[in-house]
Amino acid sequence: MVTESTFDRIDQQTRDDIDSFYTEHLQEISEKYDVAYETDDIVVITGANEEINAIADYYDVTYSAVCSLMRERYPEHLGRGWGTPTEYGTPLVILKIA
């Protein structure tokens, strides 16, 4: 059985820090990348692989841990694969209220 190492998980404080940062910078991030979906609660942004890498580097967690966090928040009704926001990779999912 394979288990996640501590390095592959994002603790709650780090999640809160990530949410606060992206909620605070939502406008500039939305202008820089493509907004694929938006509600009163979240914004799904595509093409923001650079941001996902930056999160992993800054918080010293793995890229896959950040992708897992984004997949947890991704609205399932948008679908996955070709023709969806996941077509070219994991979208950045930003909570509007952290």
PDB file of N, CA and C in Angstrom:
ATOM      1  N   MET A   1       0.838  -1.178   0.000  1.00  0.00           N
ATOM      2  CA  MET A   1       0.000   0.000   0.000  1.00  0.00           C
ATOM      3  C   MET A   1       0.887   1.247   0.000  1.00  0.00           C
ATOM      4  N   VAL A   2       0.581   2.180  -0.871  1.00  0.00           N
ATOM      5  CA  VAL A   2       1.329   3.422  -0.960  1.00  0.00           C
ATOM      6  C   VAL A   2       0.615   4.477  -0.121  1.00  0.00           C
ATOM      7  N   THR A   3       1.366   5.156   0.688  1.00  0.00           N
ATOM      8  CA  THR A   3       0.789   6.235   1.490  1.00  0.00           C
ATOM      9  C   THR A   3       1.480   7.533   1.142  1.00  0.00           C
ATOM     10  N   GLU A   4       0.791   8.625   1.357  1.00  0.00           N
ATOM     11  CA  GLU A   4       1.369   9.941   1.107  1.00  0.00           C
ATOM     12  C   GLU A   4       2.374  10.274   2.196  1.00  0.00           C
ATOM     13  N   SER A   5       3.451  10.875   1.801  1.00  0.00           N
ATOM     14  CA  SER A   5       4.382  11.372   2.803  1.00  0.00           C
ATOM     15  C   SER A   5       3.857  12.724   3.282  1.00  0.00           C
ATOM     16  N   THR A   6       4.396  13.208   4.357  1.00  0.00           N
ATOM     17  CA  THR A   6       4.012  14.526   4.860  1.00  0.00           C
ATOM     18  C   THR A   6       4.257  15.584   3.798  1.00  0.00           C
ATOM     19  N   PHE A   7       5.295  15.396   3.000  1.00  0.00           N
ATOM     20  CA  PHE A   7       5.670  16.334   1.956  1.00  0.00           C
ATOM     21  C   PHE A   7       4.596  16.419   0.864  1.00  0.00           C
ATOM     22  N   ASP A   8       3.813  15.356   0.686  1.00  0.00           N
ATOM     23  CA  ASP A   8       2.788  15.311  -0.352  1.00  0.00           C
ATOM     24  C   ASP A   8       1.427  15.826   0.109  1.00  0.00           C
ATOM     25  N   ARG A   9       1.322  16.260   1.333  1.00  0.00           N
ATOM     26  CA  ARG A   9       0.067  16.797   1.845  1.00  0.00           C
ATOM     27  C   ARG A   9       0.242  18.270   2.172  1.00  0.00           C
ATOM     28  N   ILE A  10      -0.864  18.960   2.142  1.00  0.00           N
ATOM     29  CA  ILE A  10      -0.834  20.376   2.494  1.00  0.00           C
ATOM     30  C   ILE A  10      -1.640  20.539   3.768  1.00  0.00           C
ATOM     31  N   ASP A  11      -0.984  21.008   4.828  1.00  0.00           N
ATOM     32  CA  ASP A  11      -1.678  21.155   6.109  1.00  0.00           C
ATOM     33  C   ASP A  11      -2.681  22.309   6.043  1.00  0.00           C
ATOM     34  N   GLN A  12      -3.558  22.357   7.018  1.00  0.00           N
ATOM     35  CA  GLN A  12      -4.650  23.333   7.016  1.00  0.00           C
ATOM     36  C   GLN A  12      -4.150  24.775   7.042  1.00  0.00           C
ATOM     37  N   GLN A  13      -3.119  25.051   7.801  1.00  0.00           N
ATOM     38  CA  GLN A  13      -2.590  26.422   7.850  1.00  0.00           C
ATOM     39  C   GLN A  13      -2.069  26.855   6.484  1.00  0.00           C
ATOM     40  N   THR A  14      -1.381  25.955   5.804  1.00  0.00           N
ATOM     41  CA  THR A  14      -0.871  26.270   4.470  1.00  0.00           C
ATOM     42  C   THR A  14      -2.024  26.463   3.495  1.00  0.00           C
ATOM     43  N   ARG A  15      -3.041  25.620   3.584  1.00  0.00           N
ATOM     44  CA  ARG A  15      -4.237  25.794   2.745  1.00  0.00           C
ATOM     45  C   ARG A  15      -4.846  27.180   2.973  1.00  0.00           C
ATOM     46  N   ASP A  16      -4.956  27.560   4.235  1.00  0.00           N
ATOM     47  CA  ASP A  16      -5.524  28.873   4.568  1.00  0.00           C
ATOM     48  C   ASP A  16      -4.668  30.003   4.003  1.00  0.00           C
ATOM     49  N   ASP A  17      -3.348  29.845   4.090  1.00  0.00           N
ATOM     50  CA  ASP A  17      -2.438  30.855   3.552  1.00  0.00           C
ATOM     51  C   ASP A  17      -2.572  30.970   2.033  1.00  0.00           C
ATOM     52  N   ILE A  18      -2.652  29.839   1.358  1.00  0.00           N
ATOM     53  CA  ILE A  18      -2.828  29.826  -0.098  1.00  0.00           C
ATOM     54  C   ILE A  18      -4.137  30.509  -0.465  1.00  0.00           C
ATOM     55  N   ASP A  19      -5.199  30.146   0.235  1.00  0.00           N
ATOM     56  CA  ASP A  19      -6.518  30.734  -0.038  1.00  0.00           C
ATOM     57  C   ASP A  19      -6.501  32.243   0.170  1.00  0.00           C
ATOM     58  N   SER A  20      -5.907  32.686   1.258  1.00  0.00           N
ATOM     59  CA  SER A  20      -5.854  34.125   1.543  1.00  0.00           C
ATOM     60  C   SER A  20      -5.094  34.875   0.457  1.00  0.00           C
ATOM     61  N   PHE A  21      -3.948  34.333   0.056  1.00  0.00           N
ATOM     62  CA  PHE A  21      -3.139  34.992  -0.963  1.00  0.00           C
ATOM     63  C   PHE A  21      -3.922  35.114  -2.279  1.00  0.00           C
ATOM     64  N   TYR A  22      -4.492  34.018  -2.741  1.00  0.00           N
ATOM     65  CA  TYR A  22      -5.177  34.046  -4.038  1.00  0.00           C
ATOM     66  C   TYR A  22      -6.499  34.800  -4.000  1.00  0.00           C
ATOM     67  N   THR A  23      -7.169  34.798  -2.868  1.00  0.00           N
ATOM     68  CA  THR A  23      -8.381  35.610  -2.746  1.00  0.00           C
ATOM     69  C   THR A  23      -8.010  37.088  -2.835  1.00  0.00           C
ATOM     70  N   GLU A  24      -6.931  37.458  -2.164  1.00  0.00           N
ATOM     71  CA  GLU A  24      -6.471  38.841  -2.173  1.00  0.00           C
ATOM     72  C   GLU A  24      -6.005  39.283  -3.568  1.00  0.00           C
ATOM     73  N   HIS A  25      -5.426  38.370  -4.344  1.00  0.00           N
ATOM     74  CA  HIS A  25      -4.872  38.694  -5.660  1.00  0.00           C
ATOM     75  C   HIS A  25      -5.750  38.177  -6.812  1.00  0.00           C
ATOM     76  N   LEU A  26      -6.999  37.903  -6.525  1.00  0.00           N
ATOM     77  CA  LEU A  26      -7.902  37.322  -7.528  1.00  0.00           C
ATOM     78  C   LEU A  26      -8.005  38.167  -8.786  1.00  0.00           C
ATOM     79  N   GLN A  27      -8.147  39.460  -8.639  1.00  0.00           N
ATOM     80  CA  GLN A  27      -8.323  40.334  -9.802  1.00  0.00           C
ATOM     81  C   GLN A  27      -7.139  40.240 -10.760  1.00  0.00           C
ATOM     82  N   GLU A  28      -5.936  40.373 -10.238  1.00  0.00           N
ATOM     83  CA  GLU A  28      -4.766  40.343 -11.115  1.00  0.00           C
ATOM     84  C   GLU A  28      -4.533  38.956 -11.717  1.00  0.00           C
ATOM     85  N   ILE A  29      -4.823  37.899 -10.971  1.00  0.00           N
ATOM     86  CA  ILE A  29      -4.691  36.544 -11.502  1.00  0.00           C
ATOM     87  C   ILE A  29      -5.723  36.326 -12.607  1.00  0.00           C
ATOM     88  N   SER A  30      -6.943  36.796 -12.396  1.00  0.00           N
ATOM     89  CA  SER A  30      -8.009  36.658 -13.398  1.00  0.00           C
ATOM     90  C   SER A  30      -7.681  37.398 -14.690  1.00  0.00           C
ATOM     91  N   GLU A  31      -6.969  38.507 -14.573  1.00  0.00           N
ATOM     92  CA  GLU A  31      -6.583  39.269 -15.757  1.00  0.00           C
ATOM     93  C   GLU A  31      -5.425  38.615 -16.508  1.00  0.00           C
ATOM     94  N   LYS A  32      -4.606  37.870 -15.790  1.00  0.00           N
ATOM     95  CA  LYS A  32      -3.413  37.252 -16.375  1.00  0.00           C
ATOM     96  C   LYS A  32      -3.724  35.936 -17.093  1.00  0.00           C
ATOM     97  N   TYR A  33      -4.729  35.203 -16.611  1.00  0.00           N
ATOM     98  CA  TYR A  33      -5.052  33.879 -17.149  1.00  0.00           C
ATOM     99  C   TYR A  33      -6.510  33.832 -17.622  1.00  0.00           C
ATOM    100  N   ASP A  34      -6.888  32.686 -18.179  1.00  0.00           N
ATOM    101  CA  ASP A  34      -8.251  32.501 -18.683  1.00  0.00           C
ATOM    102  C   ASP A  34      -9.175  32.011 -17.574  1.00  0.00           C
ATOM    103  N   VAL A  35     -10.263  32.730 -17.347  1.00  0.00           N
ATOM    104  CA  VAL A  35     -11.275  32.303 -16.388  1.00  0.00           C
ATOM    105  C   VAL A  35     -12.234  31.366 -17.132  1.00  0.00           C
ATOM    106  N   ALA A  36     -12.281  30.116 -16.691  1.00  0.00           N
ATOM    107  CA  ALA A  36     -13.102  29.117 -17.354  1.00  0.00           C
ATOM    108  C   ALA A  36     -14.492  29.011 -16.736  1.00  0.00           C
ATOM    109  N   TYR A  37     -14.593  29.369 -15.457  1.00  0.00           N
ATOM    110  CA  TYR A  37     -15.851  29.199 -14.732  1.00  0.00           C
ATOM    111  C   TYR A  37     -15.802  30.087 -13.508  1.00  0.00           C
ATOM    112  N   GLU A  38     -16.939  30.675 -13.168  1.00  0.00           N
ATOM    113  CA  GLU A  38     -16.987  31.537 -11.986  1.00  0.00           C
ATOM    114  C   GLU A  38     -18.368  31.492 -11.363  1.00  0.00           C
ATOM    115  N   THR A  39     -18.392  31.423 -10.038  1.00  0.00           N
ATOM    116  CA  THR A  39     -19.629  31.536  -9.272  1.00  0.00           C
ATOM    117  C   THR A  39     -19.390  32.576  -8.184  1.00  0.00           C
ATOM    118  N   ASP A  40     -20.336  32.702  -7.288  1.00  0.00           N
ATOM    119  CA  ASP A  40     -20.161  33.610  -6.151  1.00  0.00           C
ATOM    120  C   ASP A  40     -19.078  33.113  -5.192  1.00  0.00           C
ATOM    121  N   ASP A  41     -18.757  31.809  -5.280  1.00  0.00           N
ATOM    122  CA  ASP A  41     -17.833  31.198  -4.329  1.00  0.00           C
ATOM    123  C   ASP A  41     -16.439  30.917  -4.870  1.00  0.00           C
ATOM    124  N   ILE A  42     -16.343  30.535  -6.161  1.00  0.00           N
ATOM    125  CA  ILE A  42     -15.050  30.124  -6.713  1.00  0.00           C
ATOM    126  C   ILE A  42     -14.827  30.683  -8.109  1.00  0.00           C
ATOM    127  N   VAL A  43     -13.556  30.638  -8.496  1.00  0.00           N
ATOM    128  CA  VAL A  43     -13.152  30.954  -9.864  1.00  0.00           C
ATOM    129  C   VAL A  43     -12.233  29.822 -10.307  1.00  0.00           C
ATOM    130  N   VAL A  44     -12.520  29.259 -11.487  1.00  0.00           N
ATOM    131  CA  VAL A  44     -11.681  28.215 -12.061  1.00  0.00           C
ATOM    132  C   VAL A  44     -10.889  28.858 -13.192  1.00  0.00           C
ATOM    133  N   ILE A  45      -9.579  28.792 -13.085  1.00  0.00           N
ATOM    134  CA  ILE A  45      -8.688  29.457 -14.037  1.00  0.00           C
ATOM    135  C   ILE A  45      -7.831  28.412 -14.744  1.00  0.00           C
ATOM    136  N   THR A  46      -7.783  28.514 -16.072  1.00  0.00           N
ATOM    137  CA  THR A  46      -6.962  27.585 -16.844  1.00  0.00           C
ATOM    138  C   THR A  46      -5.684  28.274 -17.303  1.00  0.00           C
ATOM    139  N   GLY A  47      -4.700  27.455 -17.623  1.00  0.00           N
ATOM    140  CA  GLY A  47      -3.441  27.983 -18.112  1.00  0.00           C
ATOM    141  C   GLY A  47      -2.562  28.578 -17.036  1.00  0.00           C
ATOM    142  N   ALA A  48      -2.841  28.272 -15.802  1.00  0.00           N
ATOM    143  CA  ALA A  48      -2.104  28.875 -14.685  1.00  0.00           C
ATOM    144  C   ALA A  48      -1.117  27.897 -14.056  1.00  0.00           C
ATOM    145  N   ASN A  49      -0.529  27.050 -14.880  1.00  0.00           N
ATOM    146  CA  ASN A  49       0.441  26.081 -14.381  1.00  0.00           C
ATOM    147  C   ASN A  49       1.586  26.766 -13.641  1.00  0.00           C
ATOM    148  N   GLU A  50       1.969  27.926 -14.112  1.00  0.00           N
ATOM    149  CA  GLU A  50       3.021  28.727 -13.477  1.00  0.00           C
ATOM    150  C   GLU A  50       2.651  29.037 -12.017  1.00  0.00           C
ATOM    151  N   GLU A  51       1.384  29.331 -11.783  1.00  0.00           N
ATOM    152  CA  GLU A  51       0.924  29.626 -10.416  1.00  0.00           C
ATOM    153  C   GLU A  51       0.965  28.384  -9.544  1.00  0.00           C
ATOM    154  N   ILE A  52       0.561  27.249 -10.095  1.00  0.00           N
ATOM    155  CA  ILE A  52       0.572  25.994  -9.328  1.00  0.00           C
ATOM    156  C   ILE A  52       2.012  25.635  -8.952  1.00  0.00           C
ATOM    157  N   ASN A  53       2.930  25.810  -9.887  1.00  0.00           N
ATOM    158  CA  ASN A  53       4.347  25.570  -9.586  1.00  0.00           C
ATOM    159  C   ASN A  53       4.844  26.532  -8.516  1.00  0.00           C
ATOM    160  N   ALA A  54       4.436  27.793  -8.593  1.00  0.00           N
ATOM    161  CA  ALA A  54       4.861  28.791  -7.609  1.00  0.00           C
ATOM    162  C   ALA A  54       4.351  28.441  -6.211  1.00  0.00           C
ATOM    163  N   ILE A  55       3.113  27.960  -6.126  1.00  0.00           N
ATOM    164  CA  ILE A  55       2.562  27.546  -4.831  1.00  0.00           C
ATOM    165  C   ILE A  55       3.427  26.430  -4.247  1.00  0.00           C
ATOM    166  N   ALA A  56       3.714  25.424  -5.057  1.00  0.00           N
ATOM    167  CA  ALA A  56       4.515  24.282  -4.592  1.00  0.00           C
ATOM    168  C   ALA A  56       5.889  24.738  -4.119  1.00  0.00           C
ATOM    169  N   ASP A  57       6.525  25.591  -4.897  1.00  0.00           N
ATOM    170  CA  ASP A  57       7.863  26.076  -4.525  1.00  0.00           C
ATOM    171  C   ASP A  57       7.827  26.921  -3.258  1.00  0.00           C
ATOM    172  N   TYR A  58       6.900  27.862  -3.206  1.00  0.00           N
ATOM    173  CA  TYR A  58       6.848  28.786  -2.073  1.00  0.00           C
ATOM    174  C   TYR A  58       6.539  28.068  -0.752  1.00  0.00           C
ATOM    175  N   TYR A  59       5.588  27.133  -0.795  1.00  0.00           N
ATOM    176  CA  TYR A  59       5.176  26.449   0.436  1.00  0.00           C
ATOM    177  C   TYR A  59       5.922  25.142   0.672  1.00  0.00           C
ATOM    178  N   ASP A  60       6.898  24.851  -0.207  1.00  0.00           N
ATOM    179  CA  ASP A  60       7.739  23.664  -0.063  1.00  0.00           C
ATOM    180  C   ASP A  60       6.907  22.376   0.043  1.00  0.00           C
ATOM    181  N   VAL A  61       5.975  22.245  -0.889  1.00  0.00           N
ATOM    182  CA  VAL A  61       5.185  21.023  -1.023  1.00  0.00           C
ATOM    183  C   VAL A  61       5.338  20.548  -2.466  1.00  0.00           C
ATOM    184  N   THR A  62       4.894  19.339  -2.739  1.00  0.00           N
ATOM    185  CA  THR A  62       5.037  18.825  -4.099  1.00  0.00           C
ATOM    186  C   THR A  62       3.998  19.434  -5.029  1.00  0.00           C
ATOM    187  N   TYR A  63       4.351  19.465  -6.293  1.00  0.00           N
ATOM    188  CA  TYR A  63       3.430  19.911  -7.333  1.00  0.00           C
ATOM    189  C   TYR A  63       2.161  19.050  -7.288  1.00  0.00           C
ATOM    190  N   SER A  64       2.326  17.736  -7.091  1.00  0.00           N
ATOM    191  CA  SER A  64       1.158  16.848  -7.060  1.00  0.00           C
ATOM    192  C   SER A  64       0.239  17.149  -5.878  1.00  0.00           C
ATOM    193  N   ALA A  65       0.804  17.611  -4.758  1.00  0.00           N
ATOM    194  CA  ALA A  65      -0.030  17.974  -3.606  1.00  0.00           C
ATOM    195  C   ALA A  65      -0.896  19.186  -3.932  1.00  0.00           C
ATOM    196  N   VAL A  66      -0.320  20.155  -4.649  1.00  0.00           N
ATOM    197  CA  VAL A  66      -1.090  21.338  -5.035  1.00  0.00           C
ATOM    198  C   VAL A  66      -2.164  20.943  -6.049  1.00  0.00           C
ATOM    199  N   CYS A  67      -1.815  20.074  -6.987  1.00  0.00           N
ATOM    200  CA  CYS A  67      -2.812  19.595  -7.956  1.00  0.00           C
ATOM    201  C   CYS A  67      -3.948  18.862  -7.253  1.00  0.00           C
ATOM    202  N   SER A  68      -3.617  18.072  -6.251  1.00  0.00           N
ATOM    203  CA  SER A  68      -4.655  17.365  -5.482  1.00  0.00           C
ATOM    204  C   SER A  68      -5.595  18.353  -4.798  1.00  0.00           C
ATOM    205  N   LEU A  69      -5.035  19.411  -4.232  1.00  0.00           N
ATOM    206  CA  LEU A  69      -5.848  20.441  -3.592  1.00  0.00           C
ATOM    207  C   LEU A  69      -6.790  21.074  -4.610  1.00  0.00           C
ATOM    208  N   MET A  70      -6.278  21.388  -5.785  1.00  0.00           N
ATOM    209  CA  MET A  70      -7.107  22.004  -6.827  1.00  0.00           C
ATOM    210  C   MET A  70      -8.199  21.034  -7.305  1.00  0.00           C
ATOM    211  N   ARG A  71      -7.854  19.753  -7.435  1.00  0.00           N
ATOM    212  CA  ARG A  71      -8.859  18.760  -7.864  1.00  0.00           C
ATOM    213  C   ARG A  71      -9.953  18.580  -6.821  1.00  0.00           C
ATOM    214  N   GLU A  72      -9.604  18.701  -5.534  1.00  0.00           N
ATOM    215  CA  GLU A  72     -10.609  18.613  -4.462  1.00  0.00           C
ATOM    216  C   GLU A  72     -11.667  19.695  -4.630  1.00  0.00           C
ATOM    217  N   ARG A  73     -11.246  20.852  -5.076  1.00  0.00           N
ATOM    218  CA  ARG A  73     -12.134  22.015  -5.161  1.00  0.00           C
ATOM    219  C   ARG A  73     -12.797  22.167  -6.518  1.00  0.00           C
ATOM    220  N   TYR A  74     -12.334  21.427  -7.490  1.00  0.00           N
ATOM    221  CA  TYR A  74     -12.828  21.552  -8.860  1.00  0.00           C
ATOM    222  C   TYR A  74     -14.277  21.075  -8.945  1.00  0.00           C
ATOM    223  N   PRO A  75     -15.179  21.884  -9.509  1.00  0.00           N
ATOM    224  CA  PRO A  75     -16.586  21.483  -9.632  1.00  0.00           C
ATOM    225  C   PRO A  75     -16.743  20.308 -10.602  1.00  0.00           C
ATOM    226  N   GLU A  76     -17.183  19.188 -10.112  1.00  0.00           N
ATOM    227  CA  GLU A  76     -17.304  17.967 -10.912  1.00  0.00           C
ATOM    228  C   GLU A  76     -18.213  18.130 -12.128  1.00  0.00           C
ATOM    229  N   HIS A  77     -19.217  18.981 -12.036  1.00  0.00           N
ATOM    230  CA  HIS A  77     -20.150  19.121 -13.154  1.00  0.00           C
ATOM    231  C   HIS A  77     -19.502  19.747 -14.389  1.00  0.00           C
ATOM    232  N   LEU A  78     -18.301  20.304 -14.242  1.00  0.00           N
ATOM    233  CA  LEU A  78     -17.591  20.857 -15.393  1.00  0.00           C
ATOM    234  C   LEU A  78     -16.943  19.761 -16.233  1.00  0.00           C
ATOM    235  N   GLY A  79     -16.821  18.578 -15.663  1.00  0.00           N
ATOM    236  CA  GLY A  79     -16.234  17.450 -16.375  1.00  0.00           C
ATOM    237  C   GLY A  79     -14.715  17.490 -16.376  1.00  0.00           C
ATOM    238  N   ARG A  80     -14.156  16.438 -16.941  1.00  0.00           N
ATOM    239  CA  ARG A  80     -12.697  16.312 -17.038  1.00  0.00           C
ATOM    240  C   ARG A  80     -12.343  15.823 -18.424  1.00  0.00           C
ATOM    241  N   GLY A  81     -11.182  16.219 -18.897  1.00  0.00           N
ATOM    242  CA  GLY A  81     -10.690  15.746 -20.181  1.00  0.00           C
ATOM    243  C   GLY A  81     -10.886  16.757 -21.295  1.00  0.00           C
ATOM    244  N   TRP A  82     -10.912  16.254 -22.505  1.00  0.00           N
ATOM    245  CA  TRP A  82     -10.976  17.092 -23.690  1.00  0.00           C
ATOM    246  C   TRP A  82     -12.215  17.989 -23.676  1.00  0.00           C
ATOM    247  N   GLY A  83     -12.032  19.256 -23.972  1.00  0.00           N
ATOM    248  CA  GLY A  83     -13.139  20.200 -24.030  1.00  0.00           C
ATOM    249  C   GLY A  83     -13.598  20.736 -22.681  1.00  0.00           C
ATOM    250  N   THR A  84     -12.840  20.479 -21.632  1.00  0.00           N
ATOM    251  CA  THR A  84     -13.185  20.969 -20.293  1.00  0.00           C
ATOM    252  C   THR A  84     -12.025  21.824 -19.773  1.00  0.00           C
ATOM    253  N   PRO A  85     -12.205  22.496 -18.638  1.00  0.00           N
ATOM    254  CA  PRO A  85     -11.104  23.273 -18.069  1.00  0.00           C
ATOM    255  C   PRO A  85      -9.868  22.436 -17.709  1.00  0.00           C
ATOM    256  N   THR A  86     -10.010  21.106 -17.654  1.00  0.00           N
ATOM    257  CA  THR A  86      -8.863  20.249 -17.324  1.00  0.00           C
ATOM    258  C   THR A  86      -8.126  19.756 -18.567  1.00  0.00           C
ATOM    259  N   GLU A  87      -8.546  20.181 -19.727  1.00  0.00           N
ATOM    260  CA  GLU A  87      -7.974  19.666 -20.978  1.00  0.00           C
ATOM    261  C   GLU A  87      -6.449  19.795 -21.030  1.00  0.00           C
ATOM    262  N   TYR A  88      -5.914  20.896 -20.585  1.00  0.00           N
ATOM    263  CA  TYR A  88      -4.473  21.122 -20.667  1.00  0.00           C
ATOM    264  C   TYR A  88      -3.776  21.093 -19.317  1.00  0.00           C
ATOM    265  N   GLY A  89      -4.380  20.460 -18.348  1.00  0.00           N
ATOM    266  CA  GLY A  89      -3.764  20.340 -17.034  1.00  0.00           C
ATOM    267  C   GLY A  89      -4.704  20.752 -15.926  1.00  0.00           C
ATOM    268  N   THR A  90      -4.182  20.746 -14.740  1.00  0.00           N
ATOM    269  CA  THR A  90      -4.971  21.078 -13.560  1.00  0.00           C
ATOM    270  C   THR A  90      -5.263  22.569 -13.521  1.00  0.00           C
ATOM    271  N   PRO A  91      -6.545  22.934 -13.446  1.00  0.00           N
ATOM    272  CA  PRO A  91      -6.859  24.363 -13.331  1.00  0.00           C
ATOM    273  C   PRO A  91      -6.609  24.875 -11.910  1.00  0.00           C
ATOM    274  N   LEU A  92      -6.371  26.162 -11.818  1.00  0.00           N
ATOM    275  CA  LEU A  92      -6.229  26.823 -10.528  1.00  0.00           C
ATOM    276  C   LEU A  92      -7.637  27.164 -10.040  1.00  0.00           C
ATOM    277  N   VAL A  93      -7.995  26.681  -8.866  1.00  0.00           N
ATOM    278  CA  VAL A  93      -9.322  26.935  -8.314  1.00  0.00           C
ATOM    279  C   VAL A  93      -9.145  27.865  -7.118  1.00  0.00           C
ATOM    280  N   ILE A  94      -9.711  29.070  -7.249  1.00  0.00           N
ATOM    281  CA  ILE A  94      -9.547  30.089  -6.211  1.00  0.00           C
ATOM    282  C   ILE A  94     -10.880  30.303  -5.494  1.00  0.00           C
ATOM    283  N   LEU A  95     -10.822  30.247  -4.180  1.00  0.00           N
ATOM    284  CA  LEU A  95     -12.004  30.546  -3.379  1.00  0.00           C
ATOM    285  C   LEU A  95     -12.124  32.055  -3.277  1.00  0.00           C
ATOM    286  N   LYS A  96     -13.314  32.585  -3.541  1.00  0.00           N
ATOM    287  CA  LYS A  96     -13.491  34.034  -3.486  1.00  0.00           C
ATOM    288  C   LYS A  96     -13.481  34.564  -2.058  1.00  0.00           C
ATOM    289  N   ILE A  97     -13.892  33.728  -1.118  1.00  0.00           N
ATOM    290  CA  ILE A  97     -13.870  34.113   0.300  1.00  0.00           C
ATOM    291  C   ILE A  97     -13.023  33.086   1.025  1.00  0.00           C
ATOM    292  N   ALA A  98     -11.871  33.507   1.485  1.00  0.00           N
ATOM    293  CA  ALA A  98     -10.950  32.580   2.169  1.00  0.00           C
ATOM    294  C   ALA A  98     -11.288  32.458   3.624  1.00  0.00           C
TER     295      ALA A  98
END
